[in-house]
Amino acid sequence: MYTYGDVKYDADIIDRAFREYETYINQVQEKISTFTKSTKDIITNQVHGHVNVGKYGLILNNCQDYVSNILYIARRISEKERIPLILP
């Protein structure tokens, strides 16, 4: 069980959502890495320090987005499998 304030979440569902999101992020990183090999200098000069293709970026995917995305996936898993995400 994970808690956030007074809300208790099913740890198994959150962990599965985390792994699914990490897999997605890794796939995106691979695609971006392949694309930027030839354009790395141009992209670095245009958006220096503002884009991070890892877990977080200042503009595109901050830590709040990261948590929100994991919770979205967890809700989807919960609904699909009819297992409550939020525990009593």
Protein backbone atom coordinates (compact mmCIF):
# COMPACT_ATOMS: atom_id res chain seq x y z
CA MET A 1 0.00 0.00 0.00
CA TYR A 2 1.20 3.50 -0.86
CA THR A 3 -0.28 6.55 0.81
CA TYR A 4 -0.49 10.15 -0.28
CA GLY A 5 -2.09 12.29 2.38
CA ASP A 6 -5.18 10.37 3.43
CA VAL A 7 -5.43 8.38 0.18
CA LYS A 8 -4.24 4.77 0.18
CA TYR A 9 -3.29 3.20 -3.17
CA ASP A 10 -2.88 -0.45 -4.11
CA ALA A 11 0.90 -0.87 -4.32
CA ASP A 12 0.76 -3.67 -6.91
CA ILE A 13 -1.21 -1.55 -9.37
CA ILE A 14 1.02 1.49 -8.83
CA ASP A 15 4.16 -0.64 -9.31
CA ARG A 16 2.77 -2.13 -12.53
CA ALA A 17 1.87 1.33 -13.81
CA PHE A 18 5.36 2.57 -12.93
CA ARG A 19 6.98 -0.26 -14.89
CA GLU A 20 4.68 0.33 -17.87
CA TYR A 21 5.48 4.05 -17.87
CA GLU A 22 9.22 3.43 -17.53
CA THR A 23 9.06 1.09 -20.55
CA TYR A 24 7.25 3.80 -22.51
CA ILE A 25 9.81 6.47 -21.48
CA ASN A 26 12.68 4.18 -22.52
CA GLN A 27 11.08 3.62 -25.94
CA VAL A 28 10.63 7.37 -26.40
CA GLN A 29 14.24 7.99 -25.36
CA GLU A 30 15.45 5.47 -27.94
CA LYS A 31 13.45 7.10 -30.72
CA ILE A 32 14.60 10.58 -29.74
CA SER A 33 18.20 9.42 -29.44
CA THR A 34 18.08 7.90 -32.93
CA PHE A 35 16.51 11.05 -34.37
CA THR A 36 18.84 13.49 -32.63
CA LYS A 37 22.12 11.81 -33.55
CA SER A 38 22.25 13.84 -36.76
CA THR A 39 20.59 16.97 -35.37
CA LYS A 40 22.02 17.03 -31.84
CA ASP A 41 23.85 20.35 -32.17
CA ILE A 42 20.84 22.14 -33.67
CA ILE A 43 18.45 20.90 -30.99
CA THR A 44 20.92 21.61 -28.17
CA ASN A 45 21.38 25.19 -29.36
CA GLN A 46 17.65 25.85 -29.79
CA VAL A 47 16.38 24.45 -26.50
CA HIS A 48 19.49 24.41 -24.31
CA GLY A 49 18.58 23.09 -20.89
CA HIS A 50 14.83 23.03 -21.45
CA VAL A 51 14.22 19.56 -22.78
CA ASN A 52 15.13 16.38 -21.00
CA VAL A 53 14.23 13.11 -22.66
CA GLY A 54 14.52 11.25 -19.36
CA LYS A 55 11.86 11.04 -16.69
CA TYR A 56 11.46 14.78 -16.23
CA GLY A 57 11.98 17.96 -18.20
CA LEU A 58 11.36 21.49 -17.02
CA ILE A 59 8.74 22.21 -19.66
CA LEU A 60 7.56 19.01 -21.34
CA ASN A 61 7.33 16.52 -18.47
CA ASN A 62 7.86 17.84 -14.98
CA CYS A 63 7.61 15.70 -11.83
CA GLN A 64 3.89 16.46 -11.47
CA ASP A 65 3.30 15.22 -15.02
CA TYR A 66 5.32 12.10 -14.22
CA VAL A 67 3.19 11.22 -11.18
CA SER A 68 0.00 12.12 -13.04
CA ASN A 69 0.92 9.81 -15.93
CA ILE A 70 1.61 6.91 -13.57
CA LEU A 71 -1.72 7.47 -11.79
CA TYR A 72 -3.49 7.60 -15.17
CA ILE A 73 -2.00 4.23 -16.16
CA ALA A 74 -2.83 2.82 -12.72
CA ARG A 75 -6.48 3.92 -13.10
CA ARG A 76 -6.60 2.27 -16.51
CA ILE A 77 -5.21 -1.00 -15.07
CA SER A 78 -7.64 -0.79 -12.15
CA GLU A 79 -10.66 -0.29 -14.40
CA LYS A 80 -9.63 -2.96 -16.88
CA GLU A 81 -9.06 -5.59 -14.19
CA ARG A 82 -11.83 -4.34 -11.90
CA ILE A 83 -9.46 -4.03 -8.95
CA PRO A 84 -9.83 -0.97 -6.74
CA LEU A 85 -6.90 1.42 -7.01
CA ILE A 86 -7.86 3.41 -3.94
CA LEU A 87 -8.12 1.34 -0.79
CA PRO A 88 -10.49 1.97 2.14
